[in-house]
Amino acid sequence: MNFTKRSFYIFAVIILTIAADQISKVIVRANVIGRTASQPSERIPIIGDYFTLMNVENTGAFLGMGSDLNPALRIVFLLVLPILVLGLVLRHILKDKSLDNWSLFAFASIIGGGVANVYDRIVYGSVTDFLFIDLGGVFRTGIFNLADMSVSAGMIILLFVSFTQKKKA
């Protein structure tokens, strides 16, 4: 493979996404008391009760989905399938030279976030989630991490790019 500026850009976004996520998780694991069977996670207010930091180990996927699957299915759906999809997406963005920089950034962010969470599942058996937003009942999230934010931001950017390209056509 010819390593171009474009390839460098893709891998830089992926690596920076993984690094930011993993560094944030190391800090949270070391400094925030995690949830146990008998005790809830420590809640540290960042912006009052609206934005809080906690430490929750998620054995499933998004919002804990899949955590109750049997071990074989969890390996397939939470490790094997994501690795295959992330690999195919990476192959696609490296080969498709027609993608604009925003789409490359979005796909690379999705890949970086996905790899970071898959890494956690392989190394720790769970994914460390630690951010929570509650705007007083108006808007409330599940507990998430920087990898989740990268995947979500990437999806939003892809939707935005898709809509703007359809308008131009």
C-alpha atoms as a PDB file:
ATOM      1  CA  MET A   1       0.000   0.000   0.000  1.00  0.00           C
ATOM      2  CA  ASN A   2       1.286   3.416  -0.936  1.00  0.00           C
ATOM      3  CA  PHE A   3       1.336   5.454   2.275  1.00  0.00           C
ATOM      4  CA  THR A   4       0.050   8.888   1.259  1.00  0.00           C
ATOM      5  CA  LYS A   5      -0.955  12.032   3.147  1.00  0.00           C
ATOM      6  CA  ARG A   6      -4.514  10.736   2.921  1.00  0.00           C
ATOM      7  CA  SER A   7      -3.548   7.419   4.571  1.00  0.00           C
ATOM      8  CA  PHE A   8      -1.552   9.288   7.212  1.00  0.00           C
ATOM      9  CA  TYR A   9      -4.623  11.441   7.943  1.00  0.00           C
ATOM     10  CA  ILE A  10      -6.845   8.356   8.321  1.00  0.00           C
ATOM     11  CA  PHE A  11      -4.433   6.539  10.644  1.00  0.00           C
ATOM     12  CA  ALA A  12      -3.679   9.703  12.641  1.00  0.00           C
ATOM     13  CA  VAL A  13      -7.391  10.203  13.390  1.00  0.00           C
ATOM     14  CA  ILE A  14      -7.781   6.522  14.334  1.00  0.00           C
ATOM     15  CA  ILE A  15      -4.706   6.493  16.589  1.00  0.00           C
ATOM     16  CA  LEU A  16      -5.526   9.830  18.265  1.00  0.00           C
ATOM     17  CA  THR A  17      -9.091   8.646  18.913  1.00  0.00           C
ATOM     18  CA  ILE A  18      -7.873   5.404  20.488  1.00  0.00           C
ATOM     19  CA  ALA A  19      -5.218   7.228  22.529  1.00  0.00           C
ATOM     20  CA  ALA A  20      -7.622   9.860  23.902  1.00  0.00           C
ATOM     21  CA  ASP A  21     -10.139   7.168  24.830  1.00  0.00           C
ATOM     22  CA  GLN A  22      -7.629   4.860  26.485  1.00  0.00           C
ATOM     23  CA  ILE A  23      -5.915   7.670  28.417  1.00  0.00           C
ATOM     24  CA  SER A  24      -9.284   8.897  29.718  1.00  0.00           C
ATOM     25  CA  LYS A  25     -10.208   5.365  30.821  1.00  0.00           C
ATOM     26  CA  VAL A  26      -6.880   4.868  32.630  1.00  0.00           C
ATOM     27  CA  ILE A  27      -7.485   8.141  34.515  1.00  0.00           C
ATOM     28  CA  VAL A  28     -11.056   7.149  35.434  1.00  0.00           C
ATOM     29  CA  ARG A  29     -10.106   3.618  36.533  1.00  0.00           C
ATOM     30  CA  ALA A  30      -7.326   5.050  38.730  1.00  0.00           C
ATOM     31  CA  ASN A  31      -9.269   7.949  40.263  1.00  0.00           C
ATOM     32  CA  VAL A  32     -13.007   7.204  40.343  1.00  0.00           C
ATOM     33  CA  ILE A  33     -14.427   4.491  42.571  1.00  0.00           C
ATOM     34  CA  GLY A  34     -16.220   2.005  40.342  1.00  0.00           C
ATOM     35  CA  ARG A  35     -19.560   0.343  40.786  1.00  0.00           C
ATOM     36  CA  THR A  36     -19.616  -2.987  42.607  1.00  0.00           C
ATOM     37  CA  ALA A  37     -22.433  -5.426  43.255  1.00  0.00           C
ATOM     38  CA  SER A  38     -23.122  -3.824  46.627  1.00  0.00           C
ATOM     39  CA  GLN A  39     -22.264  -0.166  45.944  1.00  0.00           C
ATOM     40  CA  PRO A  40     -23.059   2.289  43.169  1.00  0.00           C
ATOM     41  CA  SER A  41     -20.300   4.152  41.371  1.00  0.00           C
ATOM     42  CA  GLU A  42     -18.898   7.333  42.853  1.00  0.00           C
ATOM     43  CA  ARG A  43     -20.541  10.329  41.117  1.00  0.00           C
ATOM     44  CA  ILE A  44     -18.340  13.355  40.584  1.00  0.00           C
ATOM     45  CA  PRO A  45     -20.144  16.475  39.377  1.00  0.00           C
ATOM     46  CA  ILE A  46     -18.430  18.214  36.464  1.00  0.00           C
ATOM     47  CA  ILE A  47     -21.217  20.716  35.775  1.00  0.00           C
ATOM     48  CA  GLY A  48     -23.551  20.370  38.743  1.00  0.00           C
ATOM     49  CA  ASP A  49     -25.802  17.321  38.443  1.00  0.00           C
ATOM     50  CA  TYR A  50     -26.146  17.957  34.701  1.00  0.00           C
ATOM     51  CA  PHE A  51     -22.813  16.428  33.672  1.00  0.00           C
ATOM     52  CA  THR A  52     -21.229  13.853  35.969  1.00  0.00           C
ATOM     53  CA  LEU A  53     -18.268  11.516  35.990  1.00  0.00           C
ATOM     54  CA  MET A  54     -18.565   7.952  37.252  1.00  0.00           C
ATOM     55  CA  ASN A  55     -16.934   4.565  36.664  1.00  0.00           C
ATOM     56  CA  VAL A  56     -19.085   1.745  35.318  1.00  0.00           C
ATOM     57  CA  GLU A  57     -17.797  -1.423  33.671  1.00  0.00           C
ATOM     58  CA  ASN A  58     -20.104  -2.351  30.791  1.00  0.00           C
ATOM     59  CA  THR A  59     -19.970  -6.015  29.753  1.00  0.00           C
ATOM     60  CA  GLY A  60     -22.347  -5.413  26.852  1.00  0.00           C
ATOM     61  CA  ALA A  61     -22.476  -2.995  23.959  1.00  0.00           C
ATOM     62  CA  PHE A  62     -24.317   0.336  23.704  1.00  0.00           C
ATOM     63  CA  LEU A  63     -26.234   0.944  26.973  1.00  0.00           C
ATOM     64  CA  GLY A  64     -25.345  -2.552  28.162  1.00  0.00           C
ATOM     65  CA  MET A  65     -27.200  -4.330  25.342  1.00  0.00           C
ATOM     66  CA  GLY A  66     -25.954  -7.874  24.943  1.00  0.00           C
ATOM     67  CA  SER A  67     -24.530  -8.173  28.450  1.00  0.00           C
ATOM     68  CA  ASP A  68     -26.936 -11.031  29.188  1.00  0.00           C
ATOM     69  CA  LEU A  69     -26.032 -13.068  26.077  1.00  0.00           C
ATOM     70  CA  ASN A  70     -24.320 -16.406  26.575  1.00  0.00           C
ATOM     71  CA  PRO A  71     -20.498 -16.189  26.336  1.00  0.00           C
ATOM     72  CA  ALA A  72     -20.235 -17.638  22.805  1.00  0.00           C
ATOM     73  CA  LEU A  73     -22.763 -15.159  21.383  1.00  0.00           C
ATOM     74  CA  ARG A  74     -21.075 -12.283  23.232  1.00  0.00           C
ATOM     75  CA  ILE A  75     -17.765 -13.195  21.585  1.00  0.00           C
ATOM     76  CA  VAL A  76     -19.424 -13.271  18.153  1.00  0.00           C
ATOM     77  CA  PHE A  77     -21.519 -10.094  18.519  1.00  0.00           C
ATOM     78  CA  LEU A  78     -19.187  -7.981  20.664  1.00  0.00           C
ATOM     79  CA  LEU A  79     -15.755  -9.022  19.350  1.00  0.00           C
ATOM     80  CA  VAL A  80     -15.706 -10.963  16.074  1.00  0.00           C
ATOM     81  CA  LEU A  81     -18.432  -9.054  14.220  1.00  0.00           C
ATOM     82  CA  PRO A  82     -17.173  -5.580  15.234  1.00  0.00           C
ATOM     83  CA  ILE A  83     -13.592  -6.479  14.254  1.00  0.00           C
ATOM     84  CA  LEU A  84     -14.769  -7.686  10.831  1.00  0.00           C
ATOM     85  CA  VAL A  85     -16.944  -4.612  10.236  1.00  0.00           C
ATOM     86  CA  LEU A  86     -14.215  -2.197  11.372  1.00  0.00           C
ATOM     87  CA  GLY A  87     -11.715  -3.946   9.101  1.00  0.00           C
ATOM     88  CA  LEU A  88     -14.078  -3.710   6.127  1.00  0.00           C
ATOM     89  CA  VAL A  89     -14.763  -0.026   6.792  1.00  0.00           C
ATOM     90  CA  LEU A  90     -11.018   0.682   7.016  1.00  0.00           C
ATOM     91  CA  ARG A  91     -10.431  -1.183   3.755  1.00  0.00           C
ATOM     92  CA  HIS A  92     -13.233   0.802   2.121  1.00  0.00           C
ATOM     93  CA  ILE A  93     -11.953   4.234   3.153  1.00  0.00           C
ATOM     94  CA  LEU A  94      -8.381   3.392   2.165  1.00  0.00           C
ATOM     95  CA  LYS A  95      -9.504   2.282  -1.308  1.00  0.00           C
ATOM     96  CA  ASP A  96     -12.307   4.764  -2.081  1.00  0.00           C
ATOM     97  CA  LYS A  97     -10.433   7.870  -3.220  1.00  0.00           C
ATOM     98  CA  SER A  98     -13.684   9.775  -3.850  1.00  0.00           C
ATOM     99  CA  LEU A  99     -14.427  10.278  -0.132  1.00  0.00           C
ATOM    100  CA  ASP A 100     -14.141  13.877   1.078  1.00  0.00           C
ATOM    101  CA  ASN A 101     -12.131  14.846   4.180  1.00  0.00           C
ATOM    102  CA  TRP A 102     -15.225  15.080   6.409  1.00  0.00           C
ATOM    103  CA  SER A 103     -16.276  11.540   5.463  1.00  0.00           C
ATOM    104  CA  LEU A 104     -12.726  10.266   6.027  1.00  0.00           C
ATOM    105  CA  PHE A 105     -12.663  11.946   9.434  1.00  0.00           C
ATOM    106  CA  ALA A 106     -16.081  10.494  10.309  1.00  0.00           C
ATOM    107  CA  PHE A 107     -15.206   6.944   9.248  1.00  0.00           C
ATOM    108  CA  ALA A 108     -11.795   7.140  10.977  1.00  0.00           C
ATOM    109  CA  SER A 109     -13.503   8.378  14.182  1.00  0.00           C
ATOM    110  CA  ILE A 110     -15.942   5.466  14.033  1.00  0.00           C
ATOM    111  CA  ILE A 111     -13.091   2.996  13.493  1.00  0.00           C
ATOM    112  CA  GLY A 112     -10.997   4.517  16.302  1.00  0.00           C
ATOM    113  CA  GLY A 113     -13.877   4.457  18.761  1.00  0.00           C
ATOM    114  CA  GLY A 114     -14.821   0.928  17.767  1.00  0.00           C
ATOM    115  CA  VAL A 115     -11.255  -0.351  18.096  1.00  0.00           C
ATOM    116  CA  ALA A 116     -10.870   1.332  21.496  1.00  0.00           C
ATOM    117  CA  ASN A 117     -13.979  -0.381  22.876  1.00  0.00           C
ATOM    118  CA  VAL A 118     -13.068  -3.758  21.310  1.00  0.00           C
ATOM    119  CA  TYR A 119      -9.619  -3.429  22.912  1.00  0.00           C
ATOM    120  CA  ASP A 120     -11.284  -2.946  26.315  1.00  0.00           C
ATOM    121  CA  ARG A 121     -13.460  -6.024  25.817  1.00  0.00           C
ATOM    122  CA  ILE A 122     -10.409  -8.125  24.913  1.00  0.00           C
ATOM    123  CA  VAL A 123      -8.073  -6.824  27.651  1.00  0.00           C
ATOM    124  CA  TYR A 124     -10.513  -6.124  30.521  1.00  0.00           C
ATOM    125  CA  GLY A 125     -13.596  -8.189  29.639  1.00  0.00           C
ATOM    126  CA  SER A 126     -15.696  -5.014  29.751  1.00  0.00           C
ATOM    127  CA  VAL A 127     -15.748  -1.419  28.542  1.00  0.00           C
ATOM    128  CA  THR A 128     -15.199   1.424  31.008  1.00  0.00           C
ATOM    129  CA  ASP A 129     -17.986   4.012  30.696  1.00  0.00           C
ATOM    130  CA  PHE A 130     -17.790   7.184  32.762  1.00  0.00           C
ATOM    131  CA  LEU A 131     -19.692  10.192  31.408  1.00  0.00           C
ATOM    132  CA  PHE A 132     -23.350  10.911  32.125  1.00  0.00           C
ATOM    133  CA  ILE A 133     -25.582  13.816  31.087  1.00  0.00           C
ATOM    134  CA  ASP A 134     -28.922  14.569  32.771  1.00  0.00           C
ATOM    135  CA  LEU A 135     -30.575  17.851  31.873  1.00  0.00           C
ATOM    136  CA  GLY A 136     -33.315  17.545  34.482  1.00  0.00           C
ATOM    137  CA  GLY A 137     -35.585  15.148  32.629  1.00  0.00           C
ATOM    138  CA  VAL A 138     -35.457  17.097  29.346  1.00  0.00           C
ATOM    139  CA  PHE A 139     -32.510  15.060  28.047  1.00  0.00           C
ATOM    140  CA  ARG A 140     -30.705  12.161  29.656  1.00  0.00           C
ATOM    141  CA  THR A 141     -28.029   9.855  28.277  1.00  0.00           C
ATOM    142  CA  GLY A 142     -26.799   6.452  29.229  1.00  0.00           C
ATOM    143  CA  ILE A 143     -23.306   6.287  30.703  1.00  0.00           C
ATOM    144  CA  PHE A 144     -20.754   6.557  27.886  1.00  0.00           C
ATOM    145  CA  ASN A 145     -17.064   7.138  27.113  1.00  0.00           C
ATOM    146  CA  LEU A 146     -14.915   9.011  24.580  1.00  0.00           C
ATOM    147  CA  ALA A 147     -14.953   6.080  22.145  1.00  0.00           C
ATOM    148  CA  ASP A 148     -18.761   6.178  22.149  1.00  0.00           C
ATOM    149  CA  MET A 149     -18.605   9.929  21.522  1.00  0.00           C
ATOM    150  CA  SER A 150     -16.272   9.364  18.566  1.00  0.00           C
ATOM    151  CA  VAL A 151     -18.555   6.761  17.028  1.00  0.00           C
ATOM    152  CA  SER A 152     -21.620   8.976  17.552  1.00  0.00           C
ATOM    153  CA  ALA A 153     -19.893  12.085  16.205  1.00  0.00           C
ATOM    154  CA  GLY A 154     -18.712  10.104  13.175  1.00  0.00           C
ATOM    155  CA  MET A 155     -22.248   8.922  12.458  1.00  0.00           C
ATOM    156  CA  ILE A 156     -23.647  12.445  12.805  1.00  0.00           C
ATOM    157  CA  ILE A 157     -20.980  13.830  10.459  1.00  0.00           C
ATOM    158  CA  LEU A 158     -21.729  11.094   7.895  1.00  0.00           C
ATOM    159  CA  LEU A 159     -25.446  11.913   8.047  1.00  0.00           C
ATOM    160  CA  PHE A 160     -24.734  15.625   7.634  1.00  0.00           C
ATOM    161  CA  VAL A 161     -22.360  15.000   4.693  1.00  0.00           C
ATOM    162  CA  SER A 162     -24.881  12.660   3.096  1.00  0.00           C
ATOM    163  CA  PHE A 163     -27.674  15.245   3.322  1.00  0.00           C
ATOM    164  CA  THR A 164     -25.517  18.066   1.995  1.00  0.00           C
ATOM    165  CA  GLN A 165     -24.310  15.946  -0.931  1.00  0.00           C
ATOM    166  CA  LYS A 166     -27.905  14.977  -1.812  1.00  0.00           C
ATOM    167  CA  LYS A 167     -28.883  18.662  -1.829  1.00  0.00           C
ATOM    168  CA  LYS A 168     -26.043  19.431  -4.267  1.00  0.00           C
ATOM    169  CA  ALA A 169     -27.122  16.578  -6.572  1.00  0.00           C
END
